[in-house]
Full PDB file with SEQRES, HELIX, SHEET, SSBOND, CRYST1, ORIGX, SCALE, CONECT and MASTER records, all heavy atoms in Angstrom:
SEQRES   1 A   31  TYR LEU LYS ASN ALA LEU LEU LYS LEU GLU GLY HIS LEU          
SEQRES   2 A   31  GLU MET ASN GLY LEU PRO LYS ILE ARG LYS ARG ALA THR          
SEQRES   3 A   31  PRO ALA THR ILE ALA                                          
HELIX    1 AA1 LEU A    2  MET A   15  1                                  14    
CRYST1    1.000    1.000    1.000  90.00  90.00  90.00 P 1           1          
ORIGX1      1.000000  0.000000  0.000000        0.00000                         
ORIGX2      0.000000  1.000000  0.000000        0.00000                         
ORIGX3      0.000000  0.000000  1.000000        0.00000                         
SCALE1      1.000000  0.000000  0.000000        0.00000                         
SCALE2      0.000000  1.000000  0.000000        0.00000                         
SCALE3      0.000000  0.000000  1.000000        0.00000                         
ATOM      1  N   TYR A   1       0.824  -1.215   0.001  1.00  0.00           N  
ATOM      2  CA  TYR A   1       0.019   0.018   0.000  1.00  0.00           C  
ATOM      3  C   TYR A   1       0.862   1.258   0.001  1.00  0.00           C  
ATOM      4  O   TYR A   1       0.472   2.279  -0.579  1.00  0.00           O  
ATOM      5  CB  TYR A   1      -0.953  -0.033   1.178  1.00  0.00           C  
ATOM      6  CG  TYR A   1      -1.891  -1.238   1.094  1.00  0.00           C  
ATOM      7  CD1 TYR A   1      -1.599  -2.392   1.811  1.00  0.00           C  
ATOM      8  CD2 TYR A   1      -2.994  -1.230   0.254  1.00  0.00           C  
ATOM      9  CE1 TYR A   1      -2.409  -3.523   1.684  1.00  0.00           C  
ATOM     10  CE2 TYR A   1      -3.813  -2.341   0.125  1.00  0.00           C  
ATOM     11  CZ  TYR A   1      -3.524  -3.490   0.840  1.00  0.00           C  
ATOM     12  OH  TYR A   1      -4.318  -4.594   0.727  1.00  0.00           O  
ATOM     13  N   LEU A   2       2.020   1.191   0.630  1.00  0.00           N  
ATOM     14  CA  LEU A   2       2.960   2.305   0.537  1.00  0.00           C  
ATOM     15  C   LEU A   2       3.463   2.450  -0.883  1.00  0.00           C  
ATOM     16  O   LEU A   2       3.585   3.575  -1.417  1.00  0.00           O  
ATOM     17  CB  LEU A   2       4.140   2.076   1.496  1.00  0.00           C  
ATOM     18  CG  LEU A   2       5.282   3.094   1.390  1.00  0.00           C  
ATOM     19  CD1 LEU A   2       4.770   4.546   1.577  1.00  0.00           C  
ATOM     20  CD2 LEU A   2       6.377   2.813   2.439  1.00  0.00           C  
ATOM     21  N   LYS A   3       3.759   1.331  -1.561  1.00  0.00           N  
ATOM     22  CA  LYS A   3       4.176   1.400  -2.955  1.00  0.00           C  
ATOM     23  C   LYS A   3       3.096   2.033  -3.811  1.00  0.00           C  
ATOM     24  O   LYS A   3       3.374   2.827  -4.709  1.00  0.00           O  
ATOM     25  CB  LYS A   3       4.498  -0.018  -3.461  1.00  0.00           C  
ATOM     26  CG  LYS A   3       5.753  -0.624  -2.851  1.00  0.00           C  
ATOM     27  CD  LYS A   3       5.961  -2.040  -3.401  1.00  0.00           C  
ATOM     28  CE  LYS A   3       7.228  -2.674  -2.847  1.00  0.00           C  
ATOM     29  NZ  LYS A   3       7.446  -4.056  -3.373  1.00  0.00           N  
ATOM     30  N   ASN A   4       1.836   1.671  -3.544  1.00  0.00           N  
ATOM     31  CA  ASN A   4       0.710   2.238  -4.275  1.00  0.00           C  
ATOM     32  C   ASN A   4       0.604   3.729  -4.028  1.00  0.00           C  
ATOM     33  O   ASN A   4       0.379   4.514  -4.955  1.00  0.00           O  
ATOM     34  CB  ASN A   4      -0.582   1.519  -3.840  1.00  0.00           C  
ATOM     35  CG  ASN A   4      -1.749   1.865  -4.729  1.00  0.00           C  
ATOM     36  OD1 ASN A   4      -2.157   3.004  -4.847  1.00  0.00           O  
ATOM     37  ND2 ASN A   4      -2.335   0.850  -5.358  1.00  0.00           N  
ATOM     38  N   ALA A   5       0.779   4.137  -2.772  1.00  0.00           N  
ATOM     39  CA  ALA A   5       0.725   5.547  -2.432  1.00  0.00           C  
ATOM     40  C   ALA A   5       1.818   6.340  -3.144  1.00  0.00           C  
ATOM     41  O   ALA A   5       1.590   7.471  -3.608  1.00  0.00           O  
ATOM     42  CB  ALA A   5       0.847   5.730  -0.911  1.00  0.00           C  
ATOM     43  N   LEU A   6       3.002   5.754  -3.252  1.00  0.00           N  
ATOM     44  CA  LEU A   6       4.096   6.429  -3.941  1.00  0.00           C  
ATOM     45  C   LEU A   6       3.794   6.579  -5.417  1.00  0.00           C  
ATOM     46  O   LEU A   6       4.099   7.613  -6.027  1.00  0.00           O  
ATOM     47  CB  LEU A   6       5.398   5.625  -3.750  1.00  0.00           C  
ATOM     48  CG  LEU A   6       6.682   6.281  -4.245  1.00  0.00           C  
ATOM     49  CD1 LEU A   6       6.941   7.609  -3.525  1.00  0.00           C  
ATOM     50  CD2 LEU A   6       7.889   5.359  -4.063  1.00  0.00           C  
ATOM     51  N   LEU A   7       3.199   5.559  -6.017  1.00  0.00           N  
ATOM     52  CA  LEU A   7       2.791   5.665  -7.459  1.00  0.00           C  
ATOM     53  C   LEU A   7       1.764   6.774  -7.644  1.00  0.00           C  
ATOM     54  O   LEU A   7       1.802   7.491  -8.629  1.00  0.00           O  
ATOM     55  CB  LEU A   7       2.230   4.323  -7.928  1.00  0.00           C  
ATOM     56  CG  LEU A   7       3.240   3.193  -8.127  1.00  0.00           C  
ATOM     57  CD1 LEU A   7       2.526   1.885  -8.468  1.00  0.00           C  
ATOM     58  CD2 LEU A   7       4.220   3.547  -9.240  1.00  0.00           C  
ATOM     59  N   LYS A   8       0.846   6.879  -6.693  1.00  0.00           N  
ATOM     60  CA  LYS A   8      -0.160   7.953  -6.797  1.00  0.00           C  
ATOM     61  C   LYS A   8       0.498   9.323  -6.694  1.00  0.00           C  
ATOM     62  O   LYS A   8       0.133  10.254  -7.406  1.00  0.00           O  
ATOM     63  CB  LYS A   8      -1.226   7.766  -5.695  1.00  0.00           C  
ATOM     64  CG  LYS A   8      -2.127   6.556  -5.913  1.00  0.00           C  
ATOM     65  CD  LYS A   8      -3.155   6.419  -4.834  1.00  0.00           C  
ATOM     66  CE  LYS A   8      -3.985   5.153  -4.967  1.00  0.00           C  
ATOM     67  NZ  LYS A   8      -4.751   5.132  -6.224  1.00  0.00           N  
ATOM     68  N   LEU A   9       1.483   9.443  -5.791  1.00  0.00           N  
ATOM     69  CA  LEU A   9       2.182  10.720  -5.656  1.00  0.00           C  
ATOM     70  C   LEU A   9       2.947  11.046  -6.943  1.00  0.00           C  
ATOM     71  O   LEU A   9       2.966  12.188  -7.385  1.00  0.00           O  
ATOM     72  CB  LEU A   9       3.152  10.664  -4.481  1.00  0.00           C  
ATOM     73  CG  LEU A   9       3.966  11.932  -4.223  1.00  0.00           C  
ATOM     74  CD1 LEU A   9       3.063  13.140  -4.017  1.00  0.00           C  
ATOM     75  CD2 LEU A   9       4.889  11.751  -3.032  1.00  0.00           C  
ATOM     76  N   GLU A  10       3.566  10.046  -7.528  1.00  0.00           N  
ATOM     77  CA  GLU A  10       4.259  10.251  -8.788  1.00  0.00           C  
ATOM     78  C   GLU A  10       3.298  10.745  -9.864  1.00  0.00           C  
ATOM     79  O   GLU A  10       3.604  11.634 -10.667  1.00  0.00           O  
ATOM     80  CB  GLU A  10       4.945   8.963  -9.249  1.00  0.00           C  
ATOM     81  CG  GLU A  10       5.825   9.140 -10.474  1.00  0.00           C  
ATOM     82  CD  GLU A  10       6.673   7.897 -10.753  1.00  0.00           C  
ATOM     83  OE1 GLU A  10       6.381   6.835 -10.185  1.00  0.00           O  
ATOM     84  OE2 GLU A  10       7.590   8.000 -11.560  1.00  0.00           O  
ATOM     85  N   GLY A  11       2.069  10.165  -9.860  1.00  0.00           N  
ATOM     86  CA  GLY A  11       1.050  10.609 -10.816  1.00  0.00           C  
ATOM     87  C   GLY A  11       0.659  12.058 -10.607  1.00  0.00           C  
ATOM     88  O   GLY A  11       0.470  12.805 -11.563  1.00  0.00           O  
ATOM     89  N   HIS A  12       0.504  12.476  -9.350  1.00  0.00           N  
ATOM     90  CA  HIS A  12       0.152  13.856  -9.054  1.00  0.00           C  
ATOM     91  C   HIS A  12       1.251  14.824  -9.517  1.00  0.00           C  
ATOM     92  O   HIS A  12       0.967  15.871 -10.030  1.00  0.00           O  
ATOM     93  CB  HIS A  12      -0.090  14.037  -7.555  1.00  0.00           C  
ATOM     94  CG  HIS A  12      -1.380  13.468  -7.044  1.00  0.00           C  
ATOM     95  ND1 HIS A  12      -2.607  13.923  -7.490  1.00  0.00           N  
ATOM     96  CD2 HIS A  12      -1.649  12.485  -6.147  1.00  0.00           C  
ATOM     97  CE1 HIS A  12      -3.570  13.243  -6.895  1.00  0.00           C  
ATOM     98  NE2 HIS A  12      -2.998  12.360  -6.059  1.00  0.00           N  
ATOM     99  N   LEU A  13       2.491  14.419  -9.329  1.00  0.00           N  
ATOM    100  CA  LEU A  13       3.604  15.227  -9.797  1.00  0.00           C  
ATOM    101  C   LEU A  13       3.577  15.401 -11.280  1.00  0.00           C  
ATOM    102  O   LEU A  13       3.769  16.507 -11.821  1.00  0.00           O  
ATOM    103  CB  LEU A  13       4.932  14.646  -9.329  1.00  0.00           C  
ATOM    104  CG  LEU A  13       5.227  14.711  -7.825  1.00  0.00           C  
ATOM    105  CD1 LEU A  13       6.431  13.836  -7.479  1.00  0.00           C  
ATOM    106  CD2 LEU A  13       5.472  16.136  -7.374  1.00  0.00           C  
ATOM    107  N   GLU A  14       3.325  14.299 -11.987  1.00  0.00           N  
ATOM    108  CA  GLU A  14       3.274  14.355 -13.466  1.00  0.00           C  
ATOM    109  C   GLU A  14       2.116  15.217 -13.936  1.00  0.00           C  
ATOM    110  O   GLU A  14       2.262  16.021 -14.844  1.00  0.00           O  
ATOM    111  CB  GLU A  14       3.161  12.945 -14.029  1.00  0.00           C  
ATOM    112  CG  GLU A  14       4.436  12.117 -13.838  1.00  0.00           C  
ATOM    113  CD  GLU A  14       4.268  10.700 -14.348  1.00  0.00           C  
ATOM    114  OE1 GLU A  14       3.147  10.332 -14.755  1.00  0.00           O  
ATOM    115  OE2 GLU A  14       5.251   9.928 -14.288  1.00  0.00           O  
ATOM    116  N   MET A  15       0.942  15.069 -13.319  1.00  0.00           N  
ATOM    117  CA  MET A  15      -0.254  15.851 -13.743  1.00  0.00           C  
ATOM    118  C   MET A  15      -0.026  17.324 -13.547  1.00  0.00           C  
ATOM    119  O   MET A  15      -0.598  18.152 -14.287  1.00  0.00           O  
ATOM    120  CB  MET A  15      -1.473  15.372 -12.955  1.00  0.00           C  
ATOM    121  CG  MET A  15      -2.034  14.036 -13.434  1.00  0.00           C  
ATOM    122  SD  MET A  15      -3.665  13.678 -12.709  1.00  0.00           S  
ATOM    123  CE  MET A  15      -3.262  13.562 -10.972  1.00  0.00           C  
ATOM    124  N   ASN A  16       0.761  17.694 -12.576  1.00  0.00           N  
ATOM    125  CA  ASN A  16       1.008  19.105 -12.286  1.00  0.00           C  
ATOM    126  C   ASN A  16       2.278  19.615 -12.992  1.00  0.00           C  
ATOM    127  O   ASN A  16       2.684  20.772 -12.781  1.00  0.00           O  
ATOM    128  CB  ASN A  16       1.120  19.341 -10.774  1.00  0.00           C  
ATOM    129  CG  ASN A  16      -0.211  19.307 -10.075  1.00  0.00           C  
ATOM    130  OD1 ASN A  16      -0.958  20.298 -10.072  1.00  0.00           O  
ATOM    131  ND2 ASN A  16      -0.583  18.170  -9.521  1.00  0.00           N  
ATOM    132  N   GLY A  17       2.857  18.760 -13.809  1.00  0.00           N  
ATOM    133  CA  GLY A  17       4.061  19.168 -14.550  1.00  0.00           C  
ATOM    134  C   GLY A  17       5.220  19.468 -13.660  1.00  0.00           C  
ATOM    135  O   GLY A  17       6.066  20.358 -13.990  1.00  0.00           O  
ATOM    136  N   LEU A  18       5.307  18.769 -12.533  1.00  0.00           N  
ATOM    137  CA  LEU A  18       6.360  19.047 -11.546  1.00  0.00           C  
ATOM    138  C   LEU A  18       7.502  18.038 -11.677  1.00  0.00           C  
ATOM    139  O   LEU A  18       7.271  16.857 -11.950  1.00  0.00           O  
ATOM    140  CB  LEU A  18       5.787  19.029 -10.152  1.00  0.00           C  
ATOM    141  CG  LEU A  18       4.670  20.035  -9.877  1.00  0.00           C  
ATOM    142  CD1 LEU A  18       4.059  19.796  -8.521  1.00  0.00           C  
ATOM    143  CD2 LEU A  18       5.217  21.462  -9.994  1.00  0.00           C  
ATOM    144  N   PRO A  19       8.708  18.506 -11.435  1.00  0.00           N  
ATOM    145  CA  PRO A  19       9.860  17.590 -11.510  1.00  0.00           C  
ATOM    146  C   PRO A  19       9.872  16.614 -10.385  1.00  0.00           C  
ATOM    147  O   PRO A  19       9.362  16.874  -9.293  1.00  0.00           O  
ATOM    148  CB  PRO A  19      11.069  18.533 -11.426  1.00  0.00           C  
ATOM    149  CG  PRO A  19      10.562  19.700 -10.679  1.00  0.00           C  
ATOM    150  CD  PRO A  19       9.125  19.858 -11.096  1.00  0.00           C  
ATOM    151  N   LYS A  20      10.454  15.474 -10.614  1.00  0.00           N  
ATOM    152  CA  LYS A  20      10.608  14.448  -9.579  1.00  0.00           C  
ATOM    153  C   LYS A  20      12.070  14.358  -9.216  1.00  0.00           C  
ATOM    154  O   LYS A  20      12.581  15.119  -8.427  1.00  0.00           O  
ATOM    155  CB  LYS A  20      10.028  13.120 -10.089  1.00  0.00           C  
ATOM    156  CG  LYS A  20       8.502  13.188 -10.277  1.00  0.00           C  
ATOM    157  CD  LYS A  20       7.999  11.952 -10.947  1.00  0.00           C  
ATOM    158  CE  LYS A  20       8.292  11.922 -12.430  1.00  0.00           C  
ATOM    159  NZ  LYS A  20       7.693  13.007 -13.180  1.00  0.00           N  
ATOM    160  N   ILE A  21      12.753  13.427  -9.846  1.00  0.00           N  
ATOM    161  CA  ILE A  21      14.189  13.273  -9.551  1.00  0.00           C  
ATOM    162  C   ILE A  21      14.970  13.686 -10.788  1.00  0.00           C  
ATOM    163  O   ILE A  21      14.792  13.125 -11.871  1.00  0.00           O  
ATOM    164  CB  ILE A  21      14.504  11.827  -9.163  1.00  0.00           C  
ATOM    165  CG1 ILE A  21      13.756  11.463  -7.869  1.00  0.00           C  
ATOM    166  CG2 ILE A  21      15.985  11.633  -8.997  1.00  0.00           C  
ATOM    167  CD1 ILE A  21      13.986  10.065  -7.400  1.00  0.00           C  
ATOM    168  N   ARG A  22      15.840  14.674 -10.601  1.00  0.00           N  
ATOM    169  CA  ARG A  22      16.663  15.155 -11.682  1.00  0.00           C  
ATOM    170  C   ARG A  22      18.049  14.562 -11.505  1.00  0.00           C  
ATOM    171  O   ARG A  22      18.660  14.681 -10.457  1.00  0.00           O  
ATOM    172  CB  ARG A  22      16.725  16.677 -11.606  1.00  0.00           C  
ATOM    173  CG  ARG A  22      17.391  17.368 -12.763  1.00  0.00           C  
ATOM    174  CD  ARG A  22      17.181  18.877 -12.635  1.00  0.00           C  
ATOM    175  NE  ARG A  22      17.742  19.614 -13.740  1.00  0.00           N  
ATOM    176  CZ  ARG A  22      17.173  20.648 -14.308  1.00  0.00           C  
ATOM    177  NH1 ARG A  22      16.014  21.070 -13.880  1.00  0.00           N  
ATOM    178  NH2 ARG A  22      17.767  21.266 -15.343  1.00  0.00           N  
ATOM    179  N   LYS A  23      18.534  13.895 -12.549  1.00  0.00           N  
ATOM    180  CA  LYS A  23      19.819  13.202 -12.445  1.00  0.00           C  
ATOM    181  C   LYS A  23      20.715  13.551 -13.628  1.00  0.00           C  
ATOM    182  O   LYS A  23      20.263  13.994 -14.663  1.00  0.00           O  
ATOM    183  CB  LYS A  23      19.584  11.669 -12.408  1.00  0.00           C  
ATOM    184  CG  LYS A  23      18.861  11.216 -11.139  1.00  0.00           C  
ATOM    185  CD  LYS A  23      18.638   9.701 -11.167  1.00  0.00           C  
ATOM    186  CE  LYS A  23      19.896   8.924 -10.961  1.00  0.00           C  
ATOM    187  NZ  LYS A  23      19.631   7.470 -10.813  1.00  0.00           N  
ATOM    188  N   ARG A  24      21.994  13.281 -13.416  1.00  0.00           N  
ATOM    189  CA  ARG A  24      22.983  13.459 -14.479  1.00  0.00           C  
ATOM    190  C   ARG A  24      23.675  12.132 -14.682  1.00  0.00           C  
ATOM    191  O   ARG A  24      24.199  11.525 -13.741  1.00  0.00           O  
ATOM    192  CB  ARG A  24      23.993  14.524 -14.069  1.00  0.00           C  
ATOM    193  CG  ARG A  24      24.869  15.010 -15.189  1.00  0.00           C  
ATOM    194  CD  ARG A  24      25.844  16.046 -14.693  1.00  0.00           C  
ATOM    195  NE  ARG A  24      25.185  17.147 -14.046  1.00  0.00           N  
ATOM    196  CZ  ARG A  24      25.537  17.636 -12.889  1.00  0.00           C  
ATOM    197  NH1 ARG A  24      26.582  17.122 -12.249  1.00  0.00           N  
ATOM    198  NH2 ARG A  24      24.893  18.643 -12.343  1.00  0.00           N  
ATOM    199  N   ALA A  25      23.663  11.650 -15.918  1.00  0.00           N  
ATOM    200  CA  ALA A  25      24.283  10.377 -16.218  1.00  0.00           C  
ATOM    201  C   ALA A  25      25.795  10.512 -16.267  1.00  0.00           C  
ATOM    202  O   ALA A  25      26.342  11.618 -16.457  1.00  0.00           O  
ATOM    203  CB  ALA A  25      23.759   9.849 -17.563  1.00  0.00           C  
ATOM    204  N   THR A  26      26.484   9.415 -16.129  1.00  0.00           N  
ATOM    205  CA  THR A  26      27.931   9.401 -16.301  1.00  0.00           C  
ATOM    206  C   THR A  26      28.230   9.744 -17.756  1.00  0.00           C  
ATOM    207  O   THR A  26      27.591   9.219 -18.656  1.00  0.00           O  
ATOM    208  CB  THR A  26      28.484   7.999 -15.970  1.00  0.00           C  
ATOM    209  OG1 THR A  26      28.150   7.666 -14.644  1.00  0.00           O  
ATOM    210  CG2 THR A  26      30.001   7.959 -16.143  1.00  0.00           C  
ATOM    211  N   PRO A  27      29.174  10.648 -18.005  1.00  0.00           N  
ATOM    212  CA  PRO A  27      29.509  10.984 -19.393  1.00  0.00           C  
ATOM    213  C   PRO A  27      29.804   9.735 -20.226  1.00  0.00           C  
ATOM    214  O   PRO A  27      30.494   8.820 -19.776  1.00  0.00           O  
ATOM    215  CB  PRO A  27      30.736  11.878 -19.257  1.00  0.00           C  
ATOM    216  CG  PRO A  27      30.615  12.495 -17.908  1.00  0.00           C  
ATOM    217  CD  PRO A  27      29.989  11.437 -17.044  1.00  0.00           C  
ATOM    218  N   ALA A  28      29.213   9.704 -21.402  1.00  0.00           N  
ATOM    219  CA  ALA A  28      29.331   8.510 -22.277  1.00  0.00           C  
ATOM    220  C   ALA A  28      30.050   8.897 -23.569  1.00  0.00           C  
ATOM    221  O   ALA A  28      29.748   9.954 -24.150  1.00  0.00           O  
ATOM    222  CB  ALA A  28      27.956   7.954 -22.594  1.00  0.00           C  
ATOM    223  N   THR A  29      30.959   8.050 -24.006  1.00  0.00           N  
ATOM    224  CA  THR A  29      31.637   8.270 -25.270  1.00  0.00           C  
ATOM    225  C   THR A  29      30.779   7.690 -26.397  1.00  0.00           C  
ATOM    226  O   THR A  29      30.483   6.499 -26.401  1.00  0.00           O  
ATOM    227  CB  THR A  29      33.028   7.627 -25.297  1.00  0.00           C  
ATOM    228  OG1 THR A  29      33.815   8.222 -24.239  1.00  0.00           O  
ATOM    229  CG2 THR A  29      33.699   7.865 -26.631  1.00  0.00           C  
ATOM    230  N   ILE A  30      30.376   8.532 -27.322  1.00  0.00           N  
ATOM    231  CA  ILE A  30      29.562   8.143 -28.461  1.00  0.00           C  
ATOM    232  C   ILE A  30      30.515   7.978 -29.662  1.00  0.00           C  
ATOM    233  O   ILE A  30      31.075   8.981 -30.142  1.00  0.00           O  
ATOM    234  CB  ILE A  30      28.481   9.176 -28.749  1.00  0.00           C  
ATOM    235  CG1 ILE A  30      27.651   9.505 -27.496  1.00  0.00           C  
ATOM    236  CG2 ILE A  30      27.575   8.698 -29.889  1.00  0.00           C  
ATOM    237  CD1 ILE A  30      26.957   8.319 -26.880  1.00  0.00           C  
ATOM    238  N   ALA A  31      30.676   6.780 -30.102  1.00  0.00           N  
ATOM    239  CA  ALA A  31      31.620   6.514 -31.212  1.00  0.00           C  
ATOM    240  C   ALA A  31      31.138   7.194 -32.487  1.00  0.00           C  
ATOM    241  O   ALA A  31      29.942   7.424 -32.695  1.00  0.00           O  
ATOM    242  CB  ALA A  31      31.765   5.003 -31.420  1.00  0.00           C  
TER     243      ALA A  31                                                      
MASTER        0    0    0    1    0    0    0    6  242    1    0    3          
END                                                                             
């Protein structure tokens, strides 16, 4: 039920156009 509540919160964030987790990937070499 906590997992379900977290999914619902994620949905509310998306509906309001709000950011969740902003991350930066490890630099990748593109051949």
